[in-house]
């Protein structure tokens, strides 16, 4: 089961692709996707890995777009 998170700031497609690439390079065990409109991130990984993956994802998005946070939306 995956988890979906809404980004609190608007990002470009290039920024979204860069973030997903950085996350998956650091966490090869995780499946990470960003929505077509770049507003939602979906993460699938083992339960014990979510904390590490999401902590790094949050830091990556904040670096790419300062102030960008992730807000849980739903399980997928």
Protein backbone atom coordinates (compact mmCIF):
# COMPACT_ATOMS: atom_id res chain seq x y z
CA UNK A 1 0.00 0.00 0.00
CA UNK A 2 1.24 3.47 -0.84
CA UNK A 3 0.75 6.87 0.69
CA UNK A 4 -0.12 10.11 -1.11
CA UNK A 5 1.08 13.52 -0.01
CA UNK A 6 0.07 16.95 -1.31
CA UNK A 7 2.82 19.50 -1.92
CA UNK A 8 2.11 22.82 -0.24
CA UNK A 9 3.80 24.88 -2.96
CA UNK A 10 3.60 24.79 -6.74
CA UNK A 11 6.64 23.29 -8.45
CA UNK A 12 7.62 22.90 -12.09
CA UNK A 13 7.77 19.58 -13.91
CA UNK A 14 11.57 19.82 -13.94
CA UNK A 15 11.66 20.35 -10.16
CA UNK A 16 9.29 17.42 -9.62
CA UNK A 17 11.35 15.11 -11.78
CA UNK A 18 14.54 16.18 -10.03
CA UNK A 19 13.02 15.53 -6.60
CA UNK A 20 11.74 12.08 -7.58
CA UNK A 21 15.15 11.21 -9.05
CA UNK A 22 16.97 12.29 -5.88
CA UNK A 23 14.59 10.36 -3.63
CA UNK A 24 14.81 7.14 -5.68
CA UNK A 25 18.59 7.40 -5.95
CA UNK A 26 18.84 7.62 -2.17
CA UNK A 27 16.11 5.04 -1.49
CA UNK A 28 16.19 2.42 -4.24
CA UNK A 29 13.72 0.29 -2.25
CA UNK A 30 11.01 2.95 -2.63
CA UNK A 31 8.69 3.52 -5.57
CA UNK A 32 8.11 7.25 -5.91
CA UNK A 33 5.84 9.06 -8.37
CA UNK A 34 4.67 12.63 -8.78
CA UNK A 35 1.33 13.53 -10.32
CA UNK A 36 1.10 15.07 -13.79
CA UNK A 37 0.20 18.46 -12.29
CA UNK A 38 3.13 18.21 -9.83
CA UNK A 39 0.83 18.64 -6.83
CA UNK A 40 0.89 15.16 -5.28
CA UNK A 41 3.63 12.69 -4.37
CA UNK A 42 2.95 8.95 -4.07
CA UNK A 43 5.38 6.76 -2.14
CA UNK A 44 5.37 2.99 -1.85
CA UNK A 45 7.88 1.22 0.37
CA UNK A 46 8.05 -1.14 3.31
CA UNK A 47 6.33 0.18 6.42
CA UNK A 48 9.59 0.50 8.38
CA UNK A 49 11.12 2.68 5.60
CA UNK A 50 8.46 5.40 5.35
CA UNK A 51 9.94 7.62 8.04
CA UNK A 52 13.39 7.75 6.39
CA UNK A 53 12.03 8.14 2.85
CA UNK A 54 9.58 10.89 3.80
CA UNK A 55 12.10 12.76 5.94
CA UNK A 56 14.49 12.86 2.99
CA UNK A 57 11.66 13.72 0.56
CA UNK A 58 10.62 16.65 2.73
CA UNK A 59 14.20 17.95 2.87
CA UNK A 60 14.63 17.56 -0.89
CA UNK A 61 11.40 19.40 -1.73
CA UNK A 62 12.25 22.17 0.75
CA UNK A 63 15.66 22.58 -0.86
CA UNK A 64 14.22 22.64 -4.40
CA UNK A 65 11.33 24.97 -3.47
CA UNK A 66 11.95 26.65 -0.10
CA UNK A 67 8.99 26.31 2.23
CA UNK A 68 7.49 23.38 0.31
CA UNK A 69 6.07 20.81 2.71
CA UNK A 70 4.27 17.48 2.31
CA UNK A 71 0.82 16.92 3.76
CA UNK A 72 -0.65 13.42 4.00
CA UNK A 73 -3.75 13.01 1.81
CA UNK A 74 -4.64 9.30 1.67
CA UNK A 75 -3.46 5.74 1.36
CA UNK A 76 -3.28 4.47 -2.20
